[in-house]
C-alpha atoms as a PDB file:
ATOM      1  CA  MET A   1      36.862   9.690  22.416  1.00  0.00           C
ATOM      2  CA  GLY A   2      33.492   7.918  22.423  1.00  0.00           C
ATOM      3  CA  LYS A   3      33.013   4.186  22.318  1.00  0.00           C
ATOM      4  CA  ARG A   4      32.480   2.404  19.080  1.00  0.00           C
ATOM      5  CA  PRO A   5      28.973   0.963  18.601  1.00  0.00           C
ATOM      6  CA  THR A   6      28.670  -2.845  18.924  1.00  0.00           C
ATOM      7  CA  PRO A   7      28.284  -4.518  15.582  1.00  0.00           C
ATOM      8  CA  LYS A   8      24.715  -5.668  14.928  1.00  0.00           C
ATOM      9  CA  LYS A   9      23.751  -9.128  13.662  1.00  0.00           C
ATOM     10  CA  ARG A  10      22.532  -9.348  10.114  1.00  0.00           C
ATOM     11  CA  LYS A  11      18.773  -9.932   9.666  1.00  0.00           C
ATOM     12  CA  ALA A  12      17.946 -13.287   7.992  1.00  0.00           C
ATOM     13  CA  LYS A  13      16.334 -13.149   4.546  1.00  0.00           C
ATOM     14  CA  SER A  14      13.466 -15.308   5.955  1.00  0.00           C
ATOM     15  CA  HIS A  15      12.684 -12.634   8.523  1.00  0.00           C
ATOM     16  CA  GLY A  16      11.837 -10.196   5.719  1.00  0.00           C
ATOM     17  CA  ARG A  17       9.518 -12.642   4.123  1.00  0.00           C
ATOM     18  CA  THR A  18       7.884 -13.384   7.456  1.00  0.00           C
ATOM     19  CA  GLN A  19       7.443  -9.669   8.055  1.00  0.00           C
ATOM     20  CA  HIS A  20       5.848  -9.242   4.657  1.00  0.00           C
ATOM     21  CA  SER A  21       3.454 -12.214   5.072  1.00  0.00           C
ATOM     22  CA  ILE A  22       2.293 -10.820   8.509  1.00  0.00           C
ATOM     23  CA  PHE A  23       1.769  -7.424   6.803  1.00  0.00           C
ATOM     24  CA  LEU A  24      -0.336  -9.083   4.064  1.00  0.00           C
ATOM     25  CA  VAL A  25      -2.478 -10.949   6.653  1.00  0.00           C
ATOM     26  CA  LYS A  26      -3.159  -7.623   8.450  1.00  0.00           C
ATOM     27  CA  GLU A  27      -3.849  -5.855   5.131  1.00  0.00           C
ATOM     28  CA  VAL A  28      -6.334  -8.484   3.937  1.00  0.00           C
ATOM     29  CA  ARG A  29      -8.067  -8.414   7.372  1.00  0.00           C
ATOM     30  CA  ARG A  30      -8.303  -4.537   7.200  1.00  0.00           C
ATOM     31  CA  LEU A  31      -9.711  -4.520   3.689  1.00  0.00           C
ATOM     32  CA  ARG A  32     -12.238  -7.233   4.518  1.00  0.00           C
ATOM     33  CA  ASN A  33     -13.403  -5.255   7.535  1.00  0.00           C
ATOM     34  CA  LEU A  34     -13.732  -2.106   5.403  1.00  0.00           C
ATOM     35  CA  GLN A  35     -15.705  -4.125   2.883  1.00  0.00           C
ATOM     36  CA  ASN A  36     -18.118  -5.519   5.406  1.00  0.00           C
ATOM     37  CA  SER A  37     -18.548  -2.349   7.319  1.00  0.00           C
ATOM     38  CA  PRO A  38     -22.133  -0.983   7.505  1.00  0.00           C
ATOM     39  CA  TYR A  39     -20.817   2.565   7.284  1.00  0.00           C
ATOM     40  CA  GLY A  40     -19.086   2.215   3.954  1.00  0.00           C
ATOM     41  CA  GLY A  41     -21.145   3.552   0.971  1.00  0.00           C
ATOM     42  CA  PRO A  42     -21.145   2.126  -2.540  1.00  0.00           C
ATOM     43  CA  VAL A  43     -18.013   2.947  -4.488  1.00  0.00           C
ATOM     44  CA  PRO A  44     -18.625   5.134  -7.602  1.00  0.00           C
ATOM     45  CA  PRO A  45     -17.622   3.452 -10.815  1.00  0.00           C
ATOM     46  CA  ARG A  46     -14.302   4.441 -12.342  1.00  0.00           C
ATOM     47  CA  ASP A  47     -14.564   6.334 -15.597  1.00  0.00           C
ATOM     48  CA  ARG A  48     -11.228   6.040 -17.268  1.00  0.00           C
ATOM     49  CA  ALA A  49     -12.185   7.909 -20.492  1.00  0.00           C
ATOM     50  CA  LYS A  50     -13.332  11.014 -18.555  1.00  0.00           C
ATOM     51  CA  LYS A  51     -10.145  10.911 -16.423  1.00  0.00           C
ATOM     52  CA  ALA A  52      -7.950  10.706 -19.614  1.00  0.00           C
ATOM     53  CA  LEU A  53      -9.793  13.759 -21.046  1.00  0.00           C
ATOM     54  CA  ASN A  54      -8.993  15.792 -17.829  1.00  0.00           C
ATOM     55  CA  LYS A  55      -5.321  15.011 -18.201  1.00  0.00           C
ATOM     56  CA  ILE A  56      -5.133  16.564 -21.732  1.00  0.00           C
ATOM     57  CA  THR A  57      -3.916  20.111 -21.256  1.00  0.00           C
ATOM     58  CA  ARG A  58      -3.411  21.117 -24.891  1.00  0.00           C
ATOM     59  CA  VAL A  59      -4.326  19.951 -28.341  1.00  0.00           C
ATOM     60  CA  LYS A  60      -1.791  19.973 -31.113  1.00  0.00           C
ATOM     61  CA  ALA A  61      -3.068  21.657 -34.248  1.00  0.00           C
END
């Protein structure tokens, strides 16, 4: 018979919040770097009406 695994300690709730805040800091930094990059071109405008038309597959008579 194998040994039973040792019980692990529960992670504190605050640890999850800390983890998330660290993730947000990194994400904001990443997006800001992308925004200020000289290699990024201008973003084309979003045309929601055209996108909605493309989703229509059939017209009810």
